[in-house]
Amino acid sequence: MIEPFLAPPRMGRPVRDHRQVVNGILWKLSTGAAWRDLPERYGPWKTVYERIRRWSADGTWDRLLAHVQQRCDAVGSVDWTVTCVDSTTVRAHQHAAGARKGGSGRARRSAGPAAG
């Protein structure tokens, strides 16, 4: 279903199977592992990395998403109604955001010993 959207590599090398590459991309994204840790069954990590990079740059993923959304919408498997949109604003204390103690970041000066 998605193969027509996946352009072959531009190089003159043999084409790595798209299914193998997509499965490698999905494995990497689901595990969060480094590209170099990609299992060999998905092919060379650099091939998989270059393919996702190119497909991201040329809009392949955007076209693929639009196609899948249209296809799913056509068969009624997408519910587009939004039941609740919450626009609440929550203000956090300045220290919760990692702000420096003491206000605007200026160094506090000691007033000297207390009188008395």
PDB file of N, CA and C in Angstrom:
ATOM      1  N   MET A   1       0.811  -1.190   0.000  1.00  0.00           N
ATOM      2  CA  MET A   1       0.000   0.000   0.000  1.00  0.00           C
ATOM      3  C   MET A   1       0.864   1.268   0.000  1.00  0.00           C
ATOM      4  N   ILE A   2       2.006   1.261   0.684  1.00  0.00           N
ATOM      5  CA  ILE A   2       2.807   2.481   0.764  1.00  0.00           C
ATOM      6  C   ILE A   2       3.971   2.510  -0.225  1.00  0.00           C
ATOM      7  N   GLU A   3       4.249   1.405  -0.864  1.00  0.00           N
ATOM      8  CA  GLU A   3       5.422   1.327  -1.748  1.00  0.00           C
ATOM      9  C   GLU A   3       5.455   2.381  -2.852  1.00  0.00           C
ATOM     10  N   PRO A   4       4.322   2.743  -3.458  1.00  0.00           N
ATOM     11  CA  PRO A   4       4.393   3.776  -4.499  1.00  0.00           C
ATOM     12  C   PRO A   4       4.914   5.125  -3.988  1.00  0.00           C
ATOM     13  N   PHE A   5       4.835   5.358  -2.687  1.00  0.00           N
ATOM     14  CA  PHE A   5       5.287   6.624  -2.113  1.00  0.00           C
ATOM     15  C   PHE A   5       6.777   6.616  -1.785  1.00  0.00           C
ATOM     16  N   LEU A   6       7.386   5.445  -1.768  1.00  0.00           N
ATOM     17  CA  LEU A   6       8.777   5.313  -1.361  1.00  0.00           C
ATOM     18  C   LEU A   6       9.675   5.237  -2.592  1.00  0.00           C
ATOM     19  N   ALA A   7      10.322   6.354  -2.880  1.00  0.00           N
ATOM     20  CA  ALA A   7      11.189   6.434  -4.064  1.00  0.00           C
ATOM     21  C   ALA A   7      12.447   5.609  -3.856  1.00  0.00           C
ATOM     22  N   PRO A   8      12.965   5.013  -4.920  1.00  0.00           N
ATOM     23  CA  PRO A   8      14.210   4.249  -4.795  1.00  0.00           C
ATOM     24  C   PRO A   8      15.390   5.185  -4.548  1.00  0.00           C
ATOM     25  N   PRO A   9      16.474   4.665  -3.992  1.00  0.00           N
ATOM     26  CA  PRO A   9      17.662   5.488  -3.756  1.00  0.00           C
ATOM     27  C   PRO A   9      18.202   6.054  -5.068  1.00  0.00           C
ATOM     28  N   ARG A  10      18.905   7.167  -4.980  1.00  0.00           N
ATOM     29  CA  ARG A  10      19.447   7.826  -6.178  1.00  0.00           C
ATOM     30  C   ARG A  10      20.754   7.207  -6.646  1.00  0.00           C
ATOM     31  N   MET A  11      21.429   6.480  -5.798  1.00  0.00           N
ATOM     32  CA  MET A  11      22.734   5.899  -6.128  1.00  0.00           C
ATOM     33  C   MET A  11      22.570   4.708  -7.065  1.00  0.00           C
ATOM     34  N   GLY A  12      23.657   4.263  -7.639  1.00  0.00           N
ATOM     35  CA  GLY A  12      23.638   3.132  -8.542  1.00  0.00           C
ATOM     36  C   GLY A  12      23.794   1.802  -7.842  1.00  0.00           C
ATOM     37  N   ARG A  13      23.712   1.812  -6.520  1.00  0.00           N
ATOM     38  CA  ARG A  13      23.851   0.570  -5.750  1.00  0.00           C
ATOM     39  C   ARG A  13      22.568  -0.237  -5.800  1.00  0.00           C
ATOM     40  N   PRO A  14      22.639  -1.518  -5.463  1.00  0.00           N
ATOM     41  CA  PRO A  14      21.410  -2.323  -5.403  1.00  0.00           C
ATOM     42  C   PRO A  14      20.445  -1.746  -4.362  1.00  0.00           C
ATOM     43  N   VAL A  15      19.167  -1.772  -4.677  1.00  0.00           N
ATOM     44  CA  VAL A  15      18.152  -1.189  -3.811  1.00  0.00           C
ATOM     45  C   VAL A  15      17.879  -2.115  -2.631  1.00  0.00           C
ATOM     46  N   ARG A  16      17.960  -1.570  -1.422  1.00  0.00           N
ATOM     47  CA  ARG A  16      17.605  -2.306  -0.204  1.00  0.00           C
ATOM     48  C   ARG A  16      16.084  -2.380  -0.161  1.00  0.00           C
ATOM     49  N   ASP A  17      15.551  -3.524   0.223  1.00  0.00           N
ATOM     50  CA  ASP A  17      14.111  -3.742   0.298  1.00  0.00           C
ATOM     51  C   ASP A  17      13.450  -2.668   1.174  1.00  0.00           C
ATOM     52  N   HIS A  18      12.412  -1.986   0.630  1.00  0.00           N
ATOM     53  CA  HIS A  18      11.725  -0.934   1.380  1.00  0.00           C
ATOM     54  C   HIS A  18      11.132  -1.450   2.677  1.00  0.00           C
ATOM     55  N   ARG A  19      10.574  -2.656   2.646  1.00  0.00           N
ATOM     56  CA  ARG A  19       9.967  -3.201   3.866  1.00  0.00           C
ATOM     57  C   ARG A  19      11.023  -3.353   4.959  1.00  0.00           C
ATOM     58  N   GLN A  20      12.185  -3.827   4.585  1.00  0.00           N
ATOM     59  CA  GLN A  20      13.270  -4.008   5.541  1.00  0.00           C
ATOM     60  C   GLN A  20      13.697  -2.654   6.121  1.00  0.00           C
ATOM     61  N   VAL A  21      13.792  -1.648   5.268  1.00  0.00           N
ATOM     62  CA  VAL A  21      14.202  -0.315   5.718  1.00  0.00           C
ATOM     63  C   VAL A  21      13.139   0.300   6.622  1.00  0.00           C
ATOM     64  N   VAL A  22      11.875   0.230   6.222  1.00  0.00           N
ATOM     65  CA  VAL A  22      10.797   0.791   7.044  1.00  0.00           C
ATOM     66  C   VAL A  22      10.742   0.076   8.390  1.00  0.00           C
ATOM     67  N   ASN A  23      10.899  -1.242   8.392  1.00  0.00           N
ATOM     68  CA  ASN A  23      10.921  -1.969   9.661  1.00  0.00           C
ATOM     69  C   ASN A  23      12.095  -1.523  10.531  1.00  0.00           C
ATOM     70  N   GLY A  24      13.245  -1.247   9.916  1.00  0.00           N
ATOM     71  CA  GLY A  24      14.388  -0.735  10.659  1.00  0.00           C
ATOM     72  C   GLY A  24      14.106   0.634  11.253  1.00  0.00           C
ATOM     73  N   ILE A  25      13.444   1.492  10.479  1.00  0.00           N
ATOM     74  CA  ILE A  25      13.074   2.821  10.969  1.00  0.00           C
ATOM     75  C   ILE A  25      12.116   2.693  12.148  1.00  0.00           C
ATOM     76  N   LEU A  26      11.115   1.832  12.002  1.00  0.00           N
ATOM     77  CA  LEU A  26      10.153   1.632  13.089  1.00  0.00           C
ATOM     78  C   LEU A  26      10.825   1.071  14.340  1.00  0.00           C
ATOM     79  N   TRP A  27      11.780   0.148  14.155  1.00  0.00           N
ATOM     80  CA  TRP A  27      12.504  -0.405  15.298  1.00  0.00           C
ATOM     81  C   TRP A  27      13.269   0.702  16.011  1.00  0.00           C
ATOM     82  N   LYS A  28      13.979   1.508  15.250  1.00  0.00           N
ATOM     83  CA  LYS A  28      14.784   2.582  15.837  1.00  0.00           C
ATOM     84  C   LYS A  28      13.903   3.572  16.585  1.00  0.00           C
ATOM     85  N   LEU A  29      12.792   3.984  15.970  1.00  0.00           N
ATOM     86  CA  LEU A  29      11.914   4.962  16.609  1.00  0.00           C
ATOM     87  C   LEU A  29      11.213   4.400  17.839  1.00  0.00           C
ATOM     88  N   SER A  30      10.891   3.124  17.818  1.00  0.00           N
ATOM     89  CA  SER A  30      10.190   2.540  18.971  1.00  0.00           C
ATOM     90  C   SER A  30      11.123   2.238  20.138  1.00  0.00           C
ATOM     91  N   THR A  31      12.390   1.997  19.861  1.00  0.00           N
ATOM     92  CA  THR A  31      13.317   1.670  20.948  1.00  0.00           C
ATOM     93  C   THR A  31      14.086   2.874  21.449  1.00  0.00           C
ATOM     94  N   GLY A  32      14.289   3.867  20.588  1.00  0.00           N
ATOM     95  CA  GLY A  32      15.086   5.019  20.972  1.00  0.00           C
ATOM     96  C   GLY A  32      16.578   4.730  20.984  1.00  0.00           C
ATOM     97  N   ALA A  33      16.964   3.593  20.465  1.00  0.00           N
ATOM     98  CA  ALA A  33      18.377   3.202  20.434  1.00  0.00           C
ATOM     99  C   ALA A  33      19.138   4.055  19.424  1.00  0.00           C
ATOM    100  N   ALA A  34      20.442   4.013  19.518  1.00  0.00           N
ATOM    101  CA  ALA A  34      21.290   4.727  18.569  1.00  0.00           C
ATOM    102  C   ALA A  34      21.219   4.033  17.211  1.00  0.00           C
ATOM    103  N   TRP A  35      21.424   4.802  16.144  1.00  0.00           N
ATOM    104  CA  TRP A  35      21.395   4.222  14.806  1.00  0.00           C
ATOM    105  C   TRP A  35      22.396   3.087  14.669  1.00  0.00           C
ATOM    106  N   ARG A  36      23.560   3.237  15.262  1.00  0.00           N
ATOM    107  CA  ARG A  36      24.598   2.206  15.147  1.00  0.00           C
ATOM    108  C   ARG A  36      24.215   0.892  15.821  1.00  0.00           C
ATOM    109  N   ASP A  37      23.185   0.924  16.684  1.00  0.00           N
ATOM    110  CA  ASP A  37      22.728  -0.285  17.359  1.00  0.00           C
ATOM    111  C   ASP A  37      21.615  -1.008  16.602  1.00  0.00           C
ATOM    112  N   LEU A  38      21.311  -0.544  15.402  1.00  0.00           N
ATOM    113  CA  LEU A  38      20.268  -1.168  14.595  1.00  0.00           C
ATOM    114  C   LEU A  38      20.653  -2.622  14.296  1.00  0.00           C
ATOM    115  N   PRO A  39      19.765  -3.572  14.578  1.00  0.00           N
ATOM    116  CA  PRO A  39      20.085  -4.977  14.292  1.00  0.00           C
ATOM    117  C   PRO A  39      20.381  -5.204  12.807  1.00  0.00           C
ATOM    118  N   GLU A  40      21.249  -6.137  12.536  1.00  0.00           N
ATOM    119  CA  GLU A  40      21.693  -6.425  11.166  1.00  0.00           C
ATOM    120  C   GLU A  40      20.557  -6.848  10.249  1.00  0.00           C
ATOM    121  N   ARG A  41      19.494  -7.431  10.801  1.00  0.00           N
ATOM    122  CA  ARG A  41      18.388  -7.908   9.963  1.00  0.00           C
ATOM    123  C   ARG A  41      17.713  -6.778   9.187  1.00  0.00           C
ATOM    124  N   TYR A  42      17.931  -5.507   9.595  1.00  0.00           N
ATOM    125  CA  TYR A  42      17.349  -4.366   8.898  1.00  0.00           C
ATOM    126  C   TYR A  42      18.299  -3.775   7.862  1.00  0.00           C
ATOM    127  N   GLY A  43      19.475  -4.343   7.740  1.00  0.00           N
ATOM    128  CA  GLY A  43      20.460  -3.840   6.795  1.00  0.00           C
ATOM    129  C   GLY A  43      21.422  -2.890   7.484  1.00  0.00           C
ATOM    130  N   PRO A  44      22.325  -2.309   6.722  1.00  0.00           N
ATOM    131  CA  PRO A  44      23.294  -1.385   7.313  1.00  0.00           C
ATOM    132  C   PRO A  44      22.595  -0.175   7.934  1.00  0.00           C
ATOM    133  N   TRP A  45      22.997   0.196   9.139  1.00  0.00           N
ATOM    134  CA  TRP A  45      22.340   1.305   9.832  1.00  0.00           C
ATOM    135  C   TRP A  45      22.415   2.589   9.025  1.00  0.00           C
ATOM    136  N   LYS A  46      23.521   2.795   8.330  1.00  0.00           N
ATOM    137  CA  LYS A  46      23.679   4.033   7.567  1.00  0.00           C
ATOM    138  C   LYS A  46      22.686   4.102   6.407  1.00  0.00           C
ATOM    139  N   THR A  47      22.385   2.966   5.793  1.00  0.00           N
ATOM    140  CA  THR A  47      21.392   2.923   4.719  1.00  0.00           C
ATOM    141  C   THR A  47      20.020   3.321   5.257  1.00  0.00           C
ATOM    142  N   VAL A  48      19.648   2.755   6.392  1.00  0.00           N
ATOM    143  CA  VAL A  48      18.344   3.052   6.995  1.00  0.00           C
ATOM    144  C   VAL A  48      18.289   4.520   7.410  1.00  0.00           C
ATOM    145  N   TYR A  49      19.355   5.022   8.007  1.00  0.00           N
ATOM    146  CA  TYR A  49      19.412   6.421   8.427  1.00  0.00           C
ATOM    147  C   TYR A  49      19.291   7.363   7.227  1.00  0.00           C
ATOM    148  N   GLU A  50      20.057   7.082   6.182  1.00  0.00           N
ATOM    149  CA  GLU A  50      20.022   7.950   4.994  1.00  0.00           C
ATOM    150  C   GLU A  50      18.642   7.937   4.343  1.00  0.00           C
ATOM    151  N   ARG A  51      17.977   6.791   4.356  1.00  0.00           N
ATOM    152  CA  ARG A  51      16.650   6.691   3.756  1.00  0.00           C
ATOM    153  C   ARG A  51      15.630   7.514   4.543  1.00  0.00           C
ATOM    154  N   ILE A  52      15.645   7.429   5.883  1.00  0.00           N
ATOM    155  CA  ILE A  52      14.682   8.217   6.655  1.00  0.00           C
ATOM    156  C   ILE A  52      14.986   9.705   6.523  1.00  0.00           C
ATOM    157  N   ARG A  53      16.255  10.047   6.457  1.00  0.00           N
ATOM    158  CA  ARG A  53      16.646  11.448   6.305  1.00  0.00           C
ATOM    159  C   ARG A  53      16.152  11.994   4.962  1.00  0.00           C
ATOM    160  N   ARG A  54      16.353  11.227   3.908  1.00  0.00           N
ATOM    161  CA  ARG A  54      15.931  11.667   2.575  1.00  0.00           C
ATOM    162  C   ARG A  54      14.416  11.739   2.468  1.00  0.00           C
ATOM    163  N   TRP A  55      13.729  10.714   2.993  1.00  0.00           N
ATOM    164  CA  TRP A  55      12.272  10.707   2.934  1.00  0.00           C
ATOM    165  C   TRP A  55      11.678  11.850   3.757  1.00  0.00           C
ATOM    166  N   SER A  56      12.350  12.240   4.828  1.00  0.00           N
ATOM    167  CA  SER A  56      11.880  13.387   5.615  1.00  0.00           C
ATOM    168  C   SER A  56      12.080  14.676   4.832  1.00  0.00           C
ATOM    169  N   ALA A  57      13.232  14.809   4.201  1.00  0.00           N
ATOM    170  CA  ALA A  57      13.567  16.038   3.467  1.00  0.00           C
ATOM    171  C   ALA A  57      12.705  16.235   2.220  1.00  0.00           C
ATOM    172  N   ASP A  58      12.373  15.149   1.524  1.00  0.00           N
ATOM    173  CA  ASP A  58      11.630  15.312   0.266  1.00  0.00           C
ATOM    174  C   ASP A  58      10.109  15.244   0.423  1.00  0.00           C
ATOM    175  N   GLY A  59       9.624  15.153   1.668  1.00  0.00           N
ATOM    176  CA  GLY A  59       8.181  15.177   1.914  1.00  0.00           C
ATOM    177  C   GLY A  59       7.484  13.840   1.782  1.00  0.00           C
ATOM    178  N   THR A  60       8.240  12.759   1.661  1.00  0.00           N
ATOM    179  CA  THR A  60       7.638  11.431   1.506  1.00  0.00           C
ATOM    180  C   THR A  60       6.727  11.085   2.678  1.00  0.00           C
ATOM    181  N   TRP A  61       7.175  11.347   3.910  1.00  0.00           N
ATOM    182  CA  TRP A  61       6.376  11.000   5.089  1.00  0.00           C
ATOM    183  C   TRP A  61       5.078  11.806   5.118  1.00  0.00           C
ATOM    184  N   ASP A  62       5.129  13.084   4.720  1.00  0.00           N
ATOM    185  CA  ASP A  62       3.920  13.906   4.695  1.00  0.00           C
ATOM    186  C   ASP A  62       2.914  13.381   3.680  1.00  0.00           C
ATOM    187  N   ARG A  63       3.393  13.021   2.485  1.00  0.00           N
ATOM    188  CA  ARG A  63       2.501  12.469   1.459  1.00  0.00           C
ATOM    189  C   ARG A  63       1.917  11.131   1.906  1.00  0.00           C
ATOM    190  N   LEU A  64       2.732  10.321   2.541  1.00  0.00           N
ATOM    191  CA  LEU A  64       2.278   9.025   3.025  1.00  0.00           C
ATOM    192  C   LEU A  64       1.208   9.183   4.105  1.00  0.00           C
ATOM    193  N   LEU A  65       1.423  10.105   5.042  1.00  0.00           N
ATOM    194  CA  LEU A  65       0.431  10.359   6.087  1.00  0.00           C
ATOM    195  C   LEU A  65      -0.886  10.826   5.485  1.00  0.00           C
ATOM    196  N   ALA A  66      -0.824  11.762   4.536  1.00  0.00           N
ATOM    197  CA  ALA A  66      -2.047  12.262   3.900  1.00  0.00           C
ATOM    198  C   ALA A  66      -2.792  11.127   3.196  1.00  0.00           C
ATOM    199  N   HIS A  67      -2.058  10.254   2.519  1.00  0.00           N
ATOM    200  CA  HIS A  67      -2.682   9.127   1.823  1.00  0.00           C
ATOM    201  C   HIS A  67      -3.369   8.174   2.803  1.00  0.00           C
ATOM    202  N   VAL A  68      -2.681   7.841   3.869  1.00  0.00           N
ATOM    203  CA  VAL A  68      -3.252   6.911   4.859  1.00  0.00           C
ATOM    204  C   VAL A  68      -4.476   7.536   5.521  1.00  0.00           C
ATOM    205  N   GLN A  69      -4.408   8.833   5.836  1.00  0.00           N
ATOM    206  CA  GLN A  69      -5.565   9.502   6.434  1.00  0.00           C
ATOM    207  C   GLN A  69      -6.759   9.492   5.481  1.00  0.00           C
ATOM    208  N   GLN A  70      -6.523   9.786   4.209  1.00  0.00           N
ATOM    209  CA  GLN A  70      -7.611   9.786   3.226  1.00  0.00           C
ATOM    210  C   GLN A  70      -8.211   8.396   3.073  1.00  0.00           C
ATOM    211  N   ARG A  71      -7.359   7.410   3.008  1.00  0.00           N
ATOM    212  CA  ARG A  71      -7.839   6.032   2.837  1.00  0.00           C
ATOM    213  C   ARG A  71      -8.651   5.581   4.051  1.00  0.00           C
ATOM    214  N   CYS A  72      -8.157   5.872   5.245  1.00  0.00           N
ATOM    215  CA  CYS A  72      -8.882   5.487   6.460  1.00  0.00           C
ATOM    216  C   CYS A  72     -10.178   6.268   6.605  1.00  0.00           C
ATOM    217  N   ASP A  73     -10.156   7.542   6.222  1.00  0.00           N
ATOM    218  CA  ASP A  73     -11.366   8.358   6.284  1.00  0.00           C
ATOM    219  C   ASP A  73     -12.414   7.835   5.317  1.00  0.00           C
ATOM    220  N   ALA A  74     -11.986   7.369   4.144  1.00  0.00           N
ATOM    221  CA  ALA A  74     -12.914   6.865   3.136  1.00  0.00           C
ATOM    222  C   ALA A  74     -13.675   5.640   3.619  1.00  0.00           C
ATOM    223  N   VAL A  75     -13.055   4.825   4.448  1.00  0.00           N
ATOM    224  CA  VAL A  75     -13.733   3.629   4.958  1.00  0.00           C
ATOM    225  C   VAL A  75     -14.358   3.879   6.328  1.00  0.00           C
ATOM    226  N   GLY A  76     -14.255   5.118   6.805  1.00  0.00           N
ATOM    227  CA  GLY A  76     -14.911   5.481   8.058  1.00  0.00           C
ATOM    228  C   GLY A  76     -14.180   5.062   9.317  1.00  0.00           C
ATOM    229  N   SER A  77     -12.901   4.817   9.234  1.00  0.00           N
ATOM    230  CA  SER A  77     -12.172   4.376  10.432  1.00  0.00           C
ATOM    231  C   SER A  77     -11.472   5.519  11.174  1.00  0.00           C
ATOM    232  N   VAL A  78     -11.766   6.769  10.772  1.00  0.00           N
ATOM    233  CA  VAL A  78     -11.196   7.920  11.468  1.00  0.00           C
ATOM    234  C   VAL A  78     -12.333   8.762  12.007  1.00  0.00           C
ATOM    235  N   ASP A  79     -12.287   9.059  13.298  1.00  0.00           N
ATOM    236  CA  ASP A  79     -13.276   9.931  13.928  1.00  0.00           C
ATOM    237  C   ASP A  79     -12.639  11.305  14.056  1.00  0.00           C
ATOM    238  N   TRP A  80     -13.107  12.270  13.252  1.00  0.00           N
ATOM    239  CA  TRP A  80     -12.496  13.593  13.209  1.00  0.00           C
ATOM    240  C   TRP A  80     -13.096  14.557  14.225  1.00  0.00           C
ATOM    241  N   THR A  81     -14.103  14.137  15.003  1.00  0.00           N
ATOM    242  CA  THR A  81     -14.709  15.049  15.970  1.00  0.00           C
ATOM    243  C   THR A  81     -13.786  15.272  17.150  1.00  0.00           C
ATOM    244  N   VAL A  82     -13.742  16.516  17.580  1.00  0.00           N
ATOM    245  CA  VAL A  82     -12.951  16.890  18.749  1.00  0.00           C
ATOM    246  C   VAL A  82     -13.938  17.147  19.866  1.00  0.00           C
ATOM    247  N   THR A  83     -13.842  16.404  20.938  1.00  0.00           N
ATOM    248  CA  THR A  83     -14.823  16.519  22.005  1.00  0.00           C
ATOM    249  C   THR A  83     -14.460  17.587  23.030  1.00  0.00           C
ATOM    250  N   CYS A  84     -13.194  17.854  23.213  1.00  0.00           N
ATOM    251  CA  CYS A  84     -12.814  18.813  24.232  1.00  0.00           C
ATOM    252  C   CYS A  84     -11.474  19.439  23.873  1.00  0.00           C
ATOM    253  N   VAL A  85     -11.448  20.757  23.887  1.00  0.00           N
ATOM    254  CA  VAL A  85     -10.195  21.461  23.706  1.00  0.00           C
ATOM    255  C   VAL A  85     -10.001  22.304  24.945  1.00  0.00           C
ATOM    256  N   ASP A  86      -8.955  22.044  25.673  1.00  0.00           N
ATOM    257  CA  ASP A  86      -8.702  22.726  26.931  1.00  0.00           C
ATOM    258  C   ASP A  86      -7.590  23.739  26.731  1.00  0.00           C
ATOM    259  N   SER A  87      -7.897  24.990  26.950  1.00  0.00           N
ATOM    260  CA  SER A  87      -6.889  26.032  26.758  1.00  0.00           C
ATOM    261  C   SER A  87      -6.438  26.625  28.085  1.00  0.00           C
ATOM    262  N   THR A  88      -6.498  25.829  29.135  1.00  0.00           N
ATOM    263  CA  THR A  88      -6.077  26.293  30.446  1.00  0.00           C
ATOM    264  C   THR A  88      -4.605  26.650  30.433  1.00  0.00           C
ATOM    265  N   THR A  89      -4.283  27.739  31.097  1.00  0.00           N
ATOM    266  CA  THR A  89      -2.892  28.141  31.233  1.00  0.00           C
ATOM    267  C   THR A  89      -2.471  27.895  32.667  1.00  0.00           C
ATOM    268  N   VAL A  90      -1.375  27.208  32.835  1.00  0.00           N
ATOM    269  CA  VAL A  90      -0.861  26.932  34.170  1.00  0.00           C
ATOM    270  C   VAL A  90       0.443  27.688  34.314  1.00  0.00           C
ATOM    271  N   ARG A  91       0.488  28.549  35.308  1.00  0.00           N
ATOM    272  CA  ARG A  91       1.703  29.319  35.543  1.00  0.00           C
ATOM    273  C   ARG A  91       2.551  28.584  36.567  1.00  0.00           C
ATOM    274  N   ALA A  92       3.805  28.451  36.272  1.00  0.00           N
ATOM    275  CA  ALA A  92       4.726  27.779  37.191  1.00  0.00           C
ATOM    276  C   ALA A  92       5.560  28.833  37.907  1.00  0.00           C
ATOM    277  N   HIS A  93       6.001  28.506  39.087  1.00  0.00           N
ATOM    278  CA  HIS A  93       6.893  29.391  39.830  1.00  0.00           C
ATOM    279  C   HIS A  93       8.208  29.491  39.066  1.00  0.00           C
ATOM    280  N   GLN A  94       8.871  30.637  39.149  1.00  0.00           N
ATOM    281  CA  GLN A  94      10.100  30.848  38.377  1.00  0.00           C
ATOM    282  C   GLN A  94      11.165  29.805  38.677  1.00  0.00           C
ATOM    283  N   HIS A  95      11.194  29.296  39.893  1.00  0.00           N
ATOM    284  CA  HIS A  95      12.210  28.307  40.240  1.00  0.00           C
ATOM    285  C   HIS A  95      11.911  26.939  39.613  1.00  0.00           C
ATOM    286  N   ALA A  96      10.662  26.711  39.255  1.00  0.00           N
ATOM    287  CA  ALA A  96      10.298  25.448  38.613  1.00  0.00           C
ATOM    288  C   ALA A  96      10.881  25.359  37.213  1.00  0.00           C
ATOM    289  N   ALA A  97      11.174  26.494  36.618  1.00  0.00           N
ATOM    290  CA  ALA A  97      11.719  26.518  35.262  1.00  0.00           C
ATOM    291  C   ALA A  97      13.234  26.609  35.263  1.00  0.00           C
ATOM    292  N   GLY A  98      13.854  26.490  36.424  1.00  0.00           N
ATOM    293  CA  GLY A  98      15.308  26.520  36.486  1.00  0.00           C
ATOM    294  C   GLY A  98      15.889  27.915  36.569  1.00  0.00           C
ATOM    295  N   ALA A  99      15.040  28.917  36.910  1.00  0.00           N
ATOM    296  CA  ALA A  99      15.539  30.285  37.040  1.00  0.00           C
ATOM    297  C   ALA A  99      16.506  30.378  38.216  1.00  0.00           C
ATOM    298  N   ARG A 100      17.432  31.310  38.110  1.00  0.00           N
ATOM    299  CA  ARG A 100      18.401  31.503  39.194  1.00  0.00           C
ATOM    300  C   ARG A 100      17.698  32.100  40.397  1.00  0.00           C
ATOM    301  N   LYS A 101      18.116  31.713  41.563  1.00  0.00           N
ATOM    302  CA  LYS A 101      17.566  32.296  42.785  1.00  0.00           C
ATOM    303  C   LYS A 101      17.972  33.754  42.857  1.00  0.00           C
ATOM    304  N   GLY A 102      17.099  34.572  43.398  1.00  0.00           N
ATOM    305  CA  GLY A 102      17.454  35.974  43.587  1.00  0.00           C
ATOM    306  C   GLY A 102      16.885  36.889  42.530  1.00  0.00           C
ATOM    307  N   GLY A 103      15.959  36.436  41.734  1.00  0.00           N
ATOM    308  CA  GLY A 103      15.289  37.341  40.807  1.00  0.00           C
ATOM    309  C   GLY A 103      15.894  37.373  39.433  1.00  0.00           C
ATOM    310  N   SER A 104      16.302  38.564  38.998  1.00  0.00           N
ATOM    311  CA  SER A 104      16.657  38.780  37.602  1.00  0.00           C
ATOM    312  C   SER A 104      18.019  38.261  37.202  1.00  0.00           C
ATOM    313  N   GLY A 105      18.700  37.571  38.079  1.00  0.00           N
ATOM    314  CA  GLY A 105      19.988  37.009  37.718  1.00  0.00           C
ATOM    315  C   GLY A 105      21.166  37.845  38.174  1.00  0.00           C
ATOM    316  N   ARG A 106      20.891  39.064  38.699  1.00  0.00           N
ATOM    317  CA  ARG A 106      21.984  39.878  39.214  1.00  0.00           C
ATOM    318  C   ARG A 106      22.441  39.296  40.528  1.00  0.00           C
ATOM    319  N   ALA A 107      23.727  39.377  40.776  1.00  0.00           N
ATOM    320  CA  ALA A 107      24.267  38.833  42.024  1.00  0.00           C
ATOM    321  C   ALA A 107      23.795  39.686  43.196  1.00  0.00           C
ATOM    322  N   ARG A 108      23.419  39.041  44.286  1.00  0.00           N
ATOM    323  CA  ARG A 108      23.029  39.758  45.494  1.00  0.00           C
ATOM    324  C   ARG A 108      24.263  40.294  46.193  1.00  0.00           C
ATOM    325  N   ARG A 109      24.141  41.482  46.691  1.00  0.00           N
ATOM    326  CA  ARG A 109      25.255  42.074  47.440  1.00  0.00           C
ATOM    327  C   ARG A 109      24.885  42.033  48.910  1.00  0.00           C
ATOM    328  N   SER A 110      25.845  41.683  49.681  1.00  0.00           N
ATOM    329  CA  SER A 110      25.639  41.604  51.126  1.00  0.00           C
ATOM    330  C   SER A 110      25.571  43.028  51.687  1.00  0.00           C
ATOM    331  N   ALA A 111      24.657  43.252  52.610  1.00  0.00           N
ATOM    332  CA  ALA A 111      24.496  44.559  53.229  1.00  0.00           C
ATOM    333  C   ALA A 111      25.491  44.731  54.372  1.00  0.00           C
ATOM    334  N   GLY A 112      26.313  43.751  54.604  1.00  0.00           N
ATOM    335  CA  GLY A 112      27.281  43.839  55.691  1.00  0.00           C
ATOM    336  C   GLY A 112      26.709  43.268  56.963  1.00  0.00           C
ATOM    337  N   PRO A 113      27.445  43.341  58.054  1.00  0.00           N
ATOM    338  CA  PRO A 113      26.945  42.792  59.324  1.00  0.00           C
ATOM    339  C   PRO A 113      25.745  43.576  59.813  1.00  0.00           C
ATOM    340  N   ALA A 114      24.851  42.889  60.449  1.00  0.00           N
ATOM    341  CA  ALA A 114      23.646  43.534  60.976  1.00  0.00           C
ATOM    342  C   ALA A 114      23.983  44.422  62.148  1.00  0.00           C
ATOM    343  N   ALA A 115      23.373  45.572  62.169  1.00  0.00           N
ATOM    344  CA  ALA A 115      23.630  46.509  63.269  1.00  0.00           C
ATOM    345  C   ALA A 115      22.867  46.064  64.497  1.00  0.00           C
ATOM    346  N   GLY A 116      23.493  46.295  65.630  1.00  0.00           N
ATOM    347  CA  GLY A 116      22.728  46.074  66.832  1.00  0.00           C
ATOM    348  C   GLY A 116      23.274  45.167  67.750  1.00  0.00           C
TER     349      GLY A 116
END
